[in-house]
Amino acid sequence: MNIITGITKFQGSGFNIQVRLIRLIIQLIVFSAFSFCLCGCASRQTAQEDEVSVKTDVKISSPVVRTATSLVSYQAVTRYMQSNDIRSQVTGIVTRVNCSVTGNITANQPLFTVQPQEAAALKKSKFSDQILTGFSDTVFGHISGQISQLNVQVGDFVQSGDILATCIRANSMRIIAYIPVERLGIIEKTRDCTIILPDRTTIKGKVSGKLASAETQDQTQAYLIEPEKSVSLAENINLTVQFMAGQMQNALFVKENAVLGNEEQTSFWVMKLIDDSTCIKVQVEKGIKQDSMIQVIGSGLTSYDFVISEGGYGLPDSSRVQVINRK
């Protein structure tokens, strides 16, 4: 009896061992499958993130080494150096106006007819128009030029000595630039300049002289600027005159769109490509602007580097990009 019981217990314990082994194997299989699923999800997520990160399309360009020309700009204005006031010689009524604003006139051209007060009295006495015309005074132009100001029209009453119009000599137009007294040395070194017209076109010019008086309020000296070619502008038109202040050899320039900055425009940087698909921020200082290029200072860049010239706005440091203009 004891032997049978012992055998039964032994068989029971063997069965339990088998069950435990089976359970352990099942747990290992489940754990391996779960781990495989986690690794697969993580791999897919990383692949998706990598795929998204390379979708920023950008264009790149290399910095350019050139000579940087430093320019200084000053305010200028147009003036006509020769003008003539056309005045009435008698007191009476203006009966004829033979000129207009911006109209050209010649010397000795009849411009106005003024009927004196005495003629008005004779008119009431029913004298003929031919007799009244003989009492009228004709005002002639003294110089050839252009009417810049017209002060009267037909029917106006004027007194002797009143200014009827102002005529300017067309070829007497000059440009006057106001140079701060502390910068007069620049004018003495170079008399050549560039004149920027109101429509942003430019013409060459040179300093032809200076006026004897200075502006005491803003401490500037007035210089006469002679345009290289004839230009027709009205009087008192504001212009800009640029002079070359100096030159810097081997300056580094990048495209204007490559220089990025914060909202306050106190910090600037470019995005430099460090490999095929990664770019980093490089802090720079802005120098002068020439055409569509900007000088960058203190960047450590060379003409062999590549910077993002399009598509870099808003990219964080160490961004992944895709270059679409690589040759």
C-alpha atoms as a PDB file:
ATOM      1  CA  MET A   1       0.000   0.000   0.000  1.00  0.00           C
ATOM      2  CA  ASN A   2       2.771   2.414   0.850  1.00  0.00           C
ATOM      3  CA  ILE A   3       4.637   1.514  -2.330  1.00  0.00           C
ATOM      4  CA  ILE A   4       1.611   2.262  -4.534  1.00  0.00           C
ATOM      5  CA  THR A   5       1.001   5.539  -2.766  1.00  0.00           C
ATOM      6  CA  GLY A   6       4.630   6.542  -3.235  1.00  0.00           C
ATOM      7  CA  ILE A   7       4.511   5.736  -6.912  1.00  0.00           C
ATOM      8  CA  THR A   8       1.320   7.738  -7.334  1.00  0.00           C
ATOM      9  CA  LYS A   9       2.850  10.755  -5.586  1.00  0.00           C
ATOM     10  CA  PHE A  10       5.951  10.499  -7.740  1.00  0.00           C
ATOM     11  CA  GLN A  11       3.881  10.411 -10.900  1.00  0.00           C
ATOM     12  CA  GLY A  12       1.836  13.379  -9.652  1.00  0.00           C
ATOM     13  CA  SER A  13       4.941  15.415  -8.982  1.00  0.00           C
ATOM     14  CA  GLY A  14       6.303  14.680 -12.481  1.00  0.00           C
ATOM     15  CA  PHE A  15       3.073  15.842 -14.032  1.00  0.00           C
ATOM     16  CA  ASN A  16       3.299  19.113 -12.101  1.00  0.00           C
ATOM     17  CA  ILE A  17       6.830  19.680 -13.351  1.00  0.00           C
ATOM     18  CA  GLN A  18       5.690  19.207 -16.934  1.00  0.00           C
ATOM     19  CA  VAL A  19       2.843  21.692 -16.472  1.00  0.00           C
ATOM     20  CA  ARG A  20       5.192  24.249 -15.049  1.00  0.00           C
ATOM     21  CA  LEU A  21       7.615  23.797 -17.934  1.00  0.00           C
ATOM     22  CA  ILE A  22       4.823  24.252 -20.430  1.00  0.00           C
ATOM     23  CA  ARG A  23       3.641  27.417 -18.708  1.00  0.00           C
ATOM     24  CA  LEU A  24       7.163  28.824 -18.663  1.00  0.00           C
ATOM     25  CA  ILE A  25       7.614  28.131 -22.377  1.00  0.00           C
ATOM     26  CA  ILE A  26       4.267  29.839 -23.164  1.00  0.00           C
ATOM     27  CA  GLN A  27       5.263  32.904 -21.113  1.00  0.00           C
ATOM     28  CA  LEU A  28       8.592  33.143 -22.970  1.00  0.00           C
ATOM     29  CA  ILE A  29       6.823  32.929 -26.325  1.00  0.00           C
ATOM     30  CA  VAL A  30       4.310  35.639 -25.349  1.00  0.00           C
ATOM     31  CA  PHE A  31       7.058  37.910 -23.993  1.00  0.00           C
ATOM     32  CA  SER A  32       9.144  37.496 -27.146  1.00  0.00           C
ATOM     33  CA  ALA A  33       6.180  38.280 -29.359  1.00  0.00           C
ATOM     34  CA  PHE A  34       5.317  41.386 -27.289  1.00  0.00           C
ATOM     35  CA  SER A  35       8.917  42.603 -27.410  1.00  0.00           C
ATOM     36  CA  PHE A  36       9.022  42.086 -31.162  1.00  0.00           C
ATOM     37  CA  CYS A  37       5.851  44.148 -31.554  1.00  0.00           C
ATOM     38  CA  LEU A  38       7.290  46.963 -29.449  1.00  0.00           C
ATOM     39  CA  CYS A  39      10.505  47.022 -31.442  1.00  0.00           C
ATOM     40  CA  GLY A  40       8.568  47.032 -34.686  1.00  0.00           C
ATOM     41  CA  CYS A  41       6.410  49.968 -33.566  1.00  0.00           C
ATOM     42  CA  ALA A  42       9.446  51.902 -32.377  1.00  0.00           C
ATOM     43  CA  SER A  43      11.250  51.261 -35.655  1.00  0.00           C
ATOM     44  CA  ARG A  44       8.256  52.376 -37.671  1.00  0.00           C
ATOM     45  CA  GLN A  45       7.890  55.516 -35.511  1.00  0.00           C
ATOM     46  CA  THR A  46      11.588  56.383 -35.894  1.00  0.00           C
ATOM     47  CA  ALA A  47      11.382  55.787 -39.630  1.00  0.00           C
ATOM     48  CA  GLN A  48       8.328  58.012 -39.857  1.00  0.00           C
ATOM     49  CA  GLU A  49      10.051  60.763 -37.869  1.00  0.00           C
ATOM     50  CA  ASP A  50      13.137  60.484 -40.068  1.00  0.00           C
ATOM     51  CA  GLU A  51      10.945  60.595 -43.137  1.00  0.00           C
ATOM     52  CA  VAL A  52       9.160  63.742 -41.936  1.00  0.00           C
ATOM     53  CA  SER A  53      12.397  65.491 -40.934  1.00  0.00           C
ATOM     54  CA  VAL A  54      13.898  65.355 -44.453  1.00  0.00           C
ATOM     55  CA  LYS A  55      10.888  66.911 -46.156  1.00  0.00           C
ATOM     56  CA  THR A  56      12.034  70.542 -45.725  1.00  0.00           C
ATOM     57  CA  ASP A  57      13.073  71.541 -49.225  1.00  0.00           C
ATOM     58  CA  VAL A  58      15.783  74.211 -49.337  1.00  0.00           C
ATOM     59  CA  LYS A  59      18.122  75.861 -51.793  1.00  0.00           C
ATOM     60  CA  ILE A  60      21.759  76.483 -50.979  1.00  0.00           C
ATOM     61  CA  SER A  61      24.508  78.802 -52.179  1.00  0.00           C
ATOM     62  CA  SER A  62      28.109  79.531 -51.289  1.00  0.00           C
ATOM     63  CA  PRO A  63      29.392  82.807 -49.798  1.00  0.00           C
ATOM     64  CA  VAL A  64      31.199  85.118 -52.199  1.00  0.00           C
ATOM     65  CA  VAL A  65      34.431  87.007 -51.536  1.00  0.00           C
ATOM     66  CA  ARG A  66      34.512  90.506 -53.005  1.00  0.00           C
ATOM     67  CA  THR A  67      35.558  94.060 -52.263  1.00  0.00           C
ATOM     68  CA  ALA A  68      33.140  95.821 -49.925  1.00  0.00           C
ATOM     69  CA  THR A  69      32.537  99.470 -50.727  1.00  0.00           C
ATOM     70  CA  SER A  70      31.302 101.541 -47.795  1.00  0.00           C
ATOM     71  CA  LEU A  71      28.853 104.275 -48.845  1.00  0.00           C
ATOM     72  CA  VAL A  72      27.489 107.286 -46.986  1.00  0.00           C
ATOM     73  CA  SER A  73      24.251 109.013 -47.994  1.00  0.00           C
ATOM     74  CA  TYR A  74      23.235 112.628 -47.564  1.00  0.00           C
ATOM     75  CA  GLN A  75      20.059 114.562 -48.238  1.00  0.00           C
ATOM     76  CA  ALA A  76      19.921 116.824 -51.282  1.00  0.00           C
ATOM     77  CA  VAL A  77      17.369 119.101 -52.939  1.00  0.00           C
ATOM     78  CA  THR A  78      16.902 120.656 -56.385  1.00  0.00           C
ATOM     79  CA  ARG A  79      17.357 124.398 -56.820  1.00  0.00           C
ATOM     80  CA  TYR A  80      17.206 126.683 -59.845  1.00  0.00           C
ATOM     81  CA  MET A  81      20.041 129.132 -59.565  1.00  0.00           C
ATOM     82  CA  GLN A  82      18.618 131.642 -62.084  1.00  0.00           C
ATOM     83  CA  SER A  83      15.033 132.857 -61.766  1.00  0.00           C
ATOM     84  CA  ASN A  84      13.123 136.006 -62.566  1.00  0.00           C
ATOM     85  CA  ASP A  85      10.012 137.531 -60.988  1.00  0.00           C
ATOM     86  CA  ILE A  86       7.613 138.998 -63.548  1.00  0.00           C
ATOM     87  CA  ARG A  87       5.925 142.043 -62.012  1.00  0.00           C
ATOM     88  CA  SER A  88       3.071 144.369 -62.954  1.00  0.00           C
ATOM     89  CA  GLN A  89       4.078 147.897 -63.912  1.00  0.00           C
ATOM     90  CA  VAL A  90       0.664 149.451 -63.256  1.00  0.00           C
ATOM     91  CA  THR A  91      -2.318 149.086 -60.938  1.00  0.00           C
ATOM     92  CA  GLY A  92      -5.368 147.618 -62.615  1.00  0.00           C
ATOM     93  CA  ILE A  93      -7.223 144.514 -63.819  1.00  0.00           C
ATOM     94  CA  VAL A  94      -5.551 141.512 -65.507  1.00  0.00           C
ATOM     95  CA  THR A  95      -7.306 141.074 -68.852  1.00  0.00           C
ATOM     96  CA  ARG A  96      -5.017 138.511 -70.504  1.00  0.00           C
ATOM     97  CA  VAL A  97      -2.744 135.676 -69.369  1.00  0.00           C
ATOM     98  CA  ASN A  98      -0.472 134.203 -72.045  1.00  0.00           C
ATOM     99  CA  CYS A  99       1.440 131.612 -69.990  1.00  0.00           C
ATOM    100  CA  SER A 100       0.884 128.590 -67.714  1.00  0.00           C
ATOM    101  CA  VAL A 101       2.706 126.729 -64.953  1.00  0.00           C
ATOM    102  CA  THR A 102       5.530 124.512 -66.339  1.00  0.00           C
ATOM    103  CA  GLY A 103       5.067 126.229 -69.708  1.00  0.00           C
ATOM    104  CA  ASN A 104       8.138 127.410 -71.582  1.00  0.00           C
ATOM    105  CA  ILE A 105       8.553 131.057 -72.539  1.00  0.00           C
ATOM    106  CA  THR A 106      11.083 133.071 -74.487  1.00  0.00           C
ATOM    107  CA  ALA A 107      12.646 136.445 -73.792  1.00  0.00           C
ATOM    108  CA  ASN A 108      10.462 139.412 -74.799  1.00  0.00           C
ATOM    109  CA  GLN A 109       7.366 137.205 -75.128  1.00  0.00           C
ATOM    110  CA  PRO A 110       4.128 139.059 -74.120  1.00  0.00           C
ATOM    111  CA  LEU A 111       2.783 137.281 -71.049  1.00  0.00           C
ATOM    112  CA  PHE A 112       0.143 139.513 -69.388  1.00  0.00           C
ATOM    113  CA  THR A 113      -2.104 142.392 -70.223  1.00  0.00           C
ATOM    114  CA  VAL A 114      -3.125 144.705 -67.374  1.00  0.00           C
ATOM    115  CA  GLN A 115      -5.834 147.353 -67.843  1.00  0.00           C
ATOM    116  CA  PRO A 116      -5.091 150.373 -65.641  1.00  0.00           C
ATOM    117  CA  GLN A 117      -7.650 151.949 -63.335  1.00  0.00           C
ATOM    118  CA  GLU A 118      -7.941 154.933 -65.718  1.00  0.00           C
ATOM    119  CA  ALA A 119      -9.077 152.577 -68.500  1.00  0.00           C
ATOM    120  CA  ALA A 120     -11.852 151.277 -66.269  1.00  0.00           C
ATOM    121  CA  ALA A 121     -13.135 154.844 -65.860  1.00  0.00           C
ATOM    122  CA  LEU A 122     -12.996 155.434 -69.638  1.00  0.00           C
ATOM    123  CA  LYS A 123     -14.925 152.193 -70.165  1.00  0.00           C
ATOM    124  CA  LYS A 124     -17.823 153.610 -68.176  1.00  0.00           C
ATOM    125  CA  SER A 125     -17.764 156.600 -70.534  1.00  0.00           C
ATOM    126  CA  LYS A 126     -18.406 154.173 -73.422  1.00  0.00           C
ATOM    127  CA  PHE A 127     -15.060 154.634 -75.205  1.00  0.00           C
ATOM    128  CA  SER A 128     -14.359 152.100 -77.937  1.00  0.00           C
ATOM    129  CA  ASP A 129     -12.375 148.928 -77.194  1.00  0.00           C
ATOM    130  CA  GLN A 130      -9.635 150.097 -79.552  1.00  0.00           C
ATOM    131  CA  ILE A 131      -9.095 153.211 -77.467  1.00  0.00           C
ATOM    132  CA  LEU A 132      -9.186 151.169 -74.226  1.00  0.00           C
ATOM    133  CA  THR A 133      -6.609 148.736 -75.621  1.00  0.00           C
ATOM    134  CA  GLY A 134      -4.254 151.627 -76.142  1.00  0.00           C
ATOM    135  CA  PHE A 135      -4.413 152.349 -72.411  1.00  0.00           C
ATOM    136  CA  SER A 136      -3.583 148.705 -71.482  1.00  0.00           C
ATOM    137  CA  ASP A 137      -0.105 147.711 -70.298  1.00  0.00           C
ATOM    138  CA  THR A 138       1.632 144.588 -71.663  1.00  0.00           C
ATOM    139  CA  VAL A 139       4.054 142.660 -69.442  1.00  0.00           C
ATOM    140  CA  PHE A 140       6.887 140.843 -71.264  1.00  0.00           C
ATOM    141  CA  GLY A 141       9.190 137.983 -70.220  1.00  0.00           C
ATOM    142  CA  HIS A 142      12.792 138.947 -69.502  1.00  0.00           C
ATOM    143  CA  ILE A 143      14.507 135.533 -69.880  1.00  0.00           C
ATOM    144  CA  SER A 144      13.869 132.287 -71.704  1.00  0.00           C
ATOM    145  CA  GLY A 145      12.833 129.515 -69.359  1.00  0.00           C
ATOM    146  CA  GLN A 146       9.909 127.863 -67.652  1.00  0.00           C
ATOM    147  CA  ILE A 147       7.077 129.305 -65.574  1.00  0.00           C
ATOM    148  CA  SER A 148       7.478 127.814 -62.111  1.00  0.00           C
ATOM    149  CA  GLN A 149       4.792 129.877 -60.373  1.00  0.00           C
ATOM    150  CA  LEU A 150       1.689 131.694 -61.659  1.00  0.00           C
ATOM    151  CA  ASN A 151       0.002 134.021 -59.179  1.00  0.00           C
ATOM    152  CA  VAL A 152      -2.885 135.631 -61.123  1.00  0.00           C
ATOM    153  CA  GLN A 153      -5.689 134.847 -63.554  1.00  0.00           C
ATOM    154  CA  VAL A 154      -7.924 136.948 -65.818  1.00  0.00           C
ATOM    155  CA  GLY A 155     -10.048 139.381 -63.799  1.00  0.00           C
ATOM    156  CA  ASP A 156      -7.684 139.695 -60.829  1.00  0.00           C
ATOM    157  CA  PHE A 157      -6.884 143.149 -59.477  1.00  0.00           C
ATOM    158  CA  VAL A 158      -3.164 143.841 -59.078  1.00  0.00           C
ATOM    159  CA  GLN A 159      -1.109 146.742 -57.883  1.00  0.00           C
ATOM    160  CA  SER A 160       2.057 148.127 -59.358  1.00  0.00           C
ATOM    161  CA  GLY A 161       5.004 145.936 -58.343  1.00  0.00           C
ATOM    162  CA  ASP A 162       2.959 142.770 -57.637  1.00  0.00           C
ATOM    163  CA  ILE A 163       4.568 139.486 -58.782  1.00  0.00           C
ATOM    164  CA  LEU A 164       2.454 138.019 -61.565  1.00  0.00           C
ATOM    165  CA  ALA A 165       4.631 134.931 -62.190  1.00  0.00           C
ATOM    166  CA  THR A 166       8.093 133.497 -61.648  1.00  0.00           C
ATOM    167  CA  CYS A 167      10.245 132.174 -64.469  1.00  0.00           C
ATOM    168  CA  ILE A 168      13.260 129.862 -63.994  1.00  0.00           C
ATOM    169  CA  ARG A 169      16.034 129.274 -66.503  1.00  0.00           C
ATOM    170  CA  ALA A 170      15.794 125.558 -67.372  1.00  0.00           C
ATOM    171  CA  ASN A 171      19.535 124.939 -67.644  1.00  0.00           C
ATOM    172  CA  SER A 172      20.239 126.541 -64.271  1.00  0.00           C
ATOM    173  CA  MET A 173      18.960 123.598 -62.214  1.00  0.00           C
ATOM    174  CA  ARG A 174      21.464 122.439 -59.611  1.00  0.00           C
ATOM    175  CA  ILE A 175      21.408 119.804 -56.893  1.00  0.00           C
ATOM    176  CA  ILE A 176      22.420 120.998 -53.437  1.00  0.00           C
ATOM    177  CA  ALA A 177      23.647 118.377 -50.956  1.00  0.00           C
ATOM    178  CA  TYR A 178      23.880 119.151 -47.252  1.00  0.00           C
ATOM    179  CA  ILE A 179      26.995 117.550 -45.734  1.00  0.00           C
ATOM    180  CA  PRO A 180      27.571 117.476 -41.941  1.00  0.00           C
ATOM    181  CA  VAL A 181      30.619 119.533 -41.095  1.00  0.00           C
ATOM    182  CA  GLU A 182      32.301 116.591 -39.358  1.00  0.00           C
ATOM    183  CA  ARG A 183      32.157 114.577 -42.629  1.00  0.00           C
ATOM    184  CA  LEU A 184      33.580 117.219 -44.951  1.00  0.00           C
ATOM    185  CA  GLY A 185      36.798 115.227 -45.262  1.00  0.00           C
ATOM    186  CA  ILE A 186      34.983 112.647 -47.384  1.00  0.00           C
ATOM    187  CA  ILE A 187      34.020 115.320 -49.915  1.00  0.00           C
ATOM    188  CA  GLU A 188      37.596 116.550 -50.088  1.00  0.00           C
ATOM    189  CA  LYS A 189      38.900 113.033 -50.869  1.00  0.00           C
ATOM    190  CA  THR A 190      36.420 112.123 -53.582  1.00  0.00           C
ATOM    191  CA  ARG A 191      34.245 114.520 -55.511  1.00  0.00           C
ATOM    192  CA  ASP A 192      32.471 111.790 -57.489  1.00  0.00           C
ATOM    193  CA  CYS A 193      29.067 110.680 -56.234  1.00  0.00           C
ATOM    194  CA  THR A 194      25.854 108.882 -57.171  1.00  0.00           C
ATOM    195  CA  ILE A 195      22.540 110.752 -57.307  1.00  0.00           C
ATOM    196  CA  ILE A 196      19.440 108.721 -56.392  1.00  0.00           C
ATOM    197  CA  LEU A 197      16.333 110.169 -58.033  1.00  0.00           C
ATOM    198  CA  PRO A 198      12.791 109.922 -56.570  1.00  0.00           C
ATOM    199  CA  ASP A 199      11.981 106.923 -58.812  1.00  0.00           C
ATOM    200  CA  ARG A 200      15.087 105.119 -57.399  1.00  0.00           C
ATOM    201  CA  THR A 201      17.026 105.409 -60.646  1.00  0.00           C
ATOM    202  CA  THR A 202      20.595 106.638 -60.324  1.00  0.00           C
ATOM    203  CA  ILE A 203      22.877 108.934 -62.285  1.00  0.00           C
ATOM    204  CA  LYS A 204      26.502 109.841 -61.764  1.00  0.00           C
ATOM    205  CA  GLY A 205      27.475 113.264 -60.502  1.00  0.00           C
ATOM    206  CA  LYS A 206      30.327 115.278 -59.054  1.00  0.00           C
ATOM    207  CA  VAL A 207      30.840 118.136 -56.645  1.00  0.00           C
ATOM    208  CA  SER A 208      31.187 121.373 -58.585  1.00  0.00           C
ATOM    209  CA  GLY A 209      31.494 123.808 -55.680  1.00  0.00           C
ATOM    210  CA  LYS A 210      30.104 124.819 -52.317  1.00  0.00           C
ATOM    211  CA  LEU A 211      27.949 127.668 -51.104  1.00  0.00           C
ATOM    212  CA  ALA A 212      29.507 130.332 -48.936  1.00  0.00           C
ATOM    213  CA  SER A 213      27.003 129.947 -46.094  1.00  0.00           C
ATOM    214  CA  ALA A 214      26.265 126.943 -43.849  1.00  0.00           C
ATOM    215  CA  GLU A 215      23.072 125.809 -42.140  1.00  0.00           C
ATOM    216  CA  THR A 216      23.516 126.780 -38.500  1.00  0.00           C
ATOM    217  CA  GLN A 217      20.555 124.736 -37.257  1.00  0.00           C
ATOM    218  CA  ASP A 218      21.868 121.303 -38.261  1.00  0.00           C
ATOM    219  CA  GLN A 219      25.530 122.280 -38.829  1.00  0.00           C
ATOM    220  CA  THR A 220      25.752 121.292 -42.487  1.00  0.00           C
ATOM    221  CA  GLN A 221      27.659 122.712 -45.427  1.00  0.00           C
ATOM    222  CA  ALA A 222      25.824 123.057 -48.757  1.00  0.00           C
ATOM    223  CA  TYR A 223      27.642 121.674 -51.826  1.00  0.00           C
ATOM    224  CA  LEU A 224      26.615 122.020 -55.460  1.00  0.00           C
ATOM    225  CA  ILE A 225      26.277 118.678 -57.287  1.00  0.00           C
ATOM    226  CA  GLU A 226      26.543 118.622 -61.077  1.00  0.00           C
ATOM    227  CA  PRO A 227      24.704 115.684 -62.768  1.00  0.00           C
ATOM    228  CA  GLU A 228      26.639 113.778 -65.412  1.00  0.00           C
ATOM    229  CA  LYS A 229      23.706 114.079 -67.807  1.00  0.00           C
ATOM    230  CA  SER A 230      20.854 116.547 -68.065  1.00  0.00           C
ATOM    231  CA  VAL A 231      17.866 115.794 -65.862  1.00  0.00           C
ATOM    232  CA  SER A 232      14.606 117.727 -65.657  1.00  0.00           C
ATOM    233  CA  LEU A 233      13.176 118.042 -62.148  1.00  0.00           C
ATOM    234  CA  ALA A 234      10.970 120.555 -60.422  1.00  0.00           C
ATOM    235  CA  GLU A 235      12.378 122.796 -57.727  1.00  0.00           C
ATOM    236  CA  ASN A 236      12.518 121.592 -54.103  1.00  0.00           C
ATOM    237  CA  ILE A 237      12.542 117.867 -54.986  1.00  0.00           C
ATOM    238  CA  ASN A 238      14.250 115.796 -52.284  1.00  0.00           C
ATOM    239  CA  LEU A 239      17.073 113.534 -53.509  1.00  0.00           C
ATOM    240  CA  THR A 240      19.798 111.369 -52.007  1.00  0.00           C
ATOM    241  CA  VAL A 241      23.494 111.721 -52.818  1.00  0.00           C
ATOM    242  CA  GLN A 242      25.923 108.869 -52.026  1.00  0.00           C
ATOM    243  CA  PHE A 243      29.686 109.116 -51.602  1.00  0.00           C
ATOM    244  CA  MET A 244      32.224 106.320 -51.184  1.00  0.00           C
ATOM    245  CA  ALA A 245      33.617 106.365 -47.647  1.00  0.00           C
ATOM    246  CA  GLY A 246      36.075 103.472 -47.972  1.00  0.00           C
ATOM    247  CA  GLN A 247      36.772  99.964 -49.242  1.00  0.00           C
ATOM    248  CA  MET A 248      37.418  96.596 -47.586  1.00  0.00           C
ATOM    249  CA  GLN A 249      39.228  93.845 -49.468  1.00  0.00           C
ATOM    250  CA  ASN A 250      38.227  90.147 -49.223  1.00  0.00           C
ATOM    251  CA  ALA A 251      34.871  90.765 -47.571  1.00  0.00           C
ATOM    252  CA  LEU A 252      32.458  87.823 -47.365  1.00  0.00           C
ATOM    253  CA  PHE A 253      28.978  88.218 -48.836  1.00  0.00           C
ATOM    254  CA  VAL A 254      25.931  85.935 -48.872  1.00  0.00           C
ATOM    255  CA  LYS A 255      22.593  86.276 -50.598  1.00  0.00           C
ATOM    256  CA  GLU A 256      20.214  88.656 -48.834  1.00  0.00           C
ATOM    257  CA  ASN A 257      17.626  85.917 -48.171  1.00  0.00           C
ATOM    258  CA  ALA A 258      20.255  83.782 -46.440  1.00  0.00           C
ATOM    259  CA  VAL A 259      20.538  86.188 -43.484  1.00  0.00           C
ATOM    260  CA  LEU A 260      17.788  85.531 -40.923  1.00  0.00           C
ATOM    261  CA  GLY A 261      16.979  87.480 -37.760  1.00  0.00           C
ATOM    262  CA  ASN A 262      14.714  87.752 -34.755  1.00  0.00           C
ATOM    263  CA  GLU A 263      11.664  89.999 -34.609  1.00  0.00           C
ATOM    264  CA  GLU A 264      13.591  92.840 -32.957  1.00  0.00           C
ATOM    265  CA  GLN A 265      16.304  92.605 -35.630  1.00  0.00           C
ATOM    266  CA  THR A 266      18.953  92.534 -32.921  1.00  0.00           C
ATOM    267  CA  SER A 267      20.338  89.066 -33.658  1.00  0.00           C
ATOM    268  CA  PHE A 268      21.181  87.563 -37.036  1.00  0.00           C
ATOM    269  CA  TRP A 269      22.273  84.152 -38.282  1.00  0.00           C
ATOM    270  CA  VAL A 270      22.634  81.934 -41.338  1.00  0.00           C
ATOM    271  CA  MET A 271      21.851  78.222 -41.662  1.00  0.00           C
ATOM    272  CA  LYS A 272      25.054  76.405 -42.620  1.00  0.00           C
ATOM    273  CA  LEU A 273      24.968  72.948 -44.194  1.00  0.00           C
ATOM    274  CA  ILE A 274      27.321  70.580 -42.328  1.00  0.00           C
ATOM    275  CA  ASP A 275      26.494  67.415 -44.318  1.00  0.00           C
ATOM    276  CA  ASP A 276      24.100  66.294 -47.011  1.00  0.00           C
ATOM    277  CA  SER A 277      20.965  66.820 -44.923  1.00  0.00           C
ATOM    278  CA  THR A 278      21.782  68.684 -41.685  1.00  0.00           C
ATOM    279  CA  CYS A 279      22.128  72.419 -41.096  1.00  0.00           C
ATOM    280  CA  ILE A 280      23.114  74.427 -38.036  1.00  0.00           C
ATOM    281  CA  LYS A 281      22.727  78.047 -36.961  1.00  0.00           C
ATOM    282  CA  VAL A 282      25.773  80.305 -37.338  1.00  0.00           C
ATOM    283  CA  GLN A 283      25.549  83.730 -35.692  1.00  0.00           C
ATOM    284  CA  VAL A 284      26.664  86.639 -37.881  1.00  0.00           C
ATOM    285  CA  GLU A 285      26.840  90.423 -37.896  1.00  0.00           C
ATOM    286  CA  LYS A 286      25.405  92.282 -40.858  1.00  0.00           C
ATOM    287  CA  GLY A 287      27.685  94.560 -42.809  1.00  0.00           C
ATOM    288  CA  ILE A 288      26.967  96.634 -45.866  1.00  0.00           C
ATOM    289  CA  LYS A 289      24.537  95.680 -48.609  1.00  0.00           C
ATOM    290  CA  GLN A 290      25.555  95.533 -52.263  1.00  0.00           C
ATOM    291  CA  ASP A 291      22.943  94.694 -54.870  1.00  0.00           C
ATOM    292  CA  SER A 292      21.190  91.565 -53.519  1.00  0.00           C
ATOM    293  CA  MET A 293      24.125  90.509 -51.301  1.00  0.00           C
ATOM    294  CA  ILE A 294      24.849  91.277 -47.626  1.00  0.00           C
ATOM    295  CA  GLN A 295      28.240  91.280 -45.992  1.00  0.00           C
ATOM    296  CA  VAL A 296      28.522  88.901 -43.012  1.00  0.00           C
ATOM    297  CA  ILE A 297      31.066  89.609 -40.279  1.00  0.00           C
ATOM    298  CA  GLY A 298      32.446  87.332 -37.551  1.00  0.00           C
ATOM    299  CA  SER A 299      30.859  84.177 -38.919  1.00  0.00           C
ATOM    300  CA  GLY A 300      33.890  82.010 -39.602  1.00  0.00           C
ATOM    301  CA  LEU A 301      32.357  81.054 -42.944  1.00  0.00           C
ATOM    302  CA  THR A 302      34.416  80.541 -46.081  1.00  0.00           C
ATOM    303  CA  SER A 303      33.621  80.524 -49.772  1.00  0.00           C
ATOM    304  CA  TYR A 304      33.748  76.700 -49.646  1.00  0.00           C
ATOM    305  CA  ASP A 305      30.800  76.442 -47.247  1.00  0.00           C
ATOM    306  CA  PHE A 306      27.145  76.146 -48.170  1.00  0.00           C
ATOM    307  CA  VAL A 307      24.373  78.188 -46.573  1.00  0.00           C
ATOM    308  CA  ILE A 308      20.626  77.978 -47.083  1.00  0.00           C
ATOM    309  CA  SER A 309      19.532  80.801 -49.363  1.00  0.00           C
ATOM    310  CA  GLU A 310      15.854  79.787 -49.700  1.00  0.00           C
ATOM    311  CA  GLY A 311      13.611  77.870 -47.314  1.00  0.00           C
ATOM    312  CA  GLY A 312      15.588  78.512 -44.127  1.00  0.00           C
ATOM    313  CA  TYR A 313      13.031  80.738 -42.381  1.00  0.00           C
ATOM    314  CA  GLY A 314      11.799  79.163 -39.142  1.00  0.00           C
ATOM    315  CA  LEU A 315      14.203  76.211 -39.194  1.00  0.00           C
ATOM    316  CA  PRO A 316      15.582  75.306 -35.736  1.00  0.00           C
ATOM    317  CA  ASP A 317      19.204  74.451 -35.078  1.00  0.00           C
ATOM    318  CA  SER A 318      20.357  71.041 -36.363  1.00  0.00           C
ATOM    319  CA  SER A 319      17.413  70.758 -38.750  1.00  0.00           C
ATOM    320  CA  ARG A 320      17.280  68.061 -41.380  1.00  0.00           C
ATOM    321  CA  VAL A 321      16.747  69.352 -44.877  1.00  0.00           C
ATOM    322  CA  GLN A 322      16.581  68.240 -48.475  1.00  0.00           C
ATOM    323  CA  VAL A 323      18.607  70.262 -50.973  1.00  0.00           C
ATOM    324  CA  ILE A 324      16.732  70.692 -54.234  1.00  0.00           C
ATOM    325  CA  ASN A 325      19.276  72.710 -56.231  1.00  0.00           C
ATOM    326  CA  ARG A 326      22.378  70.632 -55.696  1.00  0.00           C
ATOM    327  CA  LYS A 327      24.309  70.209 -58.937  1.00  0.00           C
END
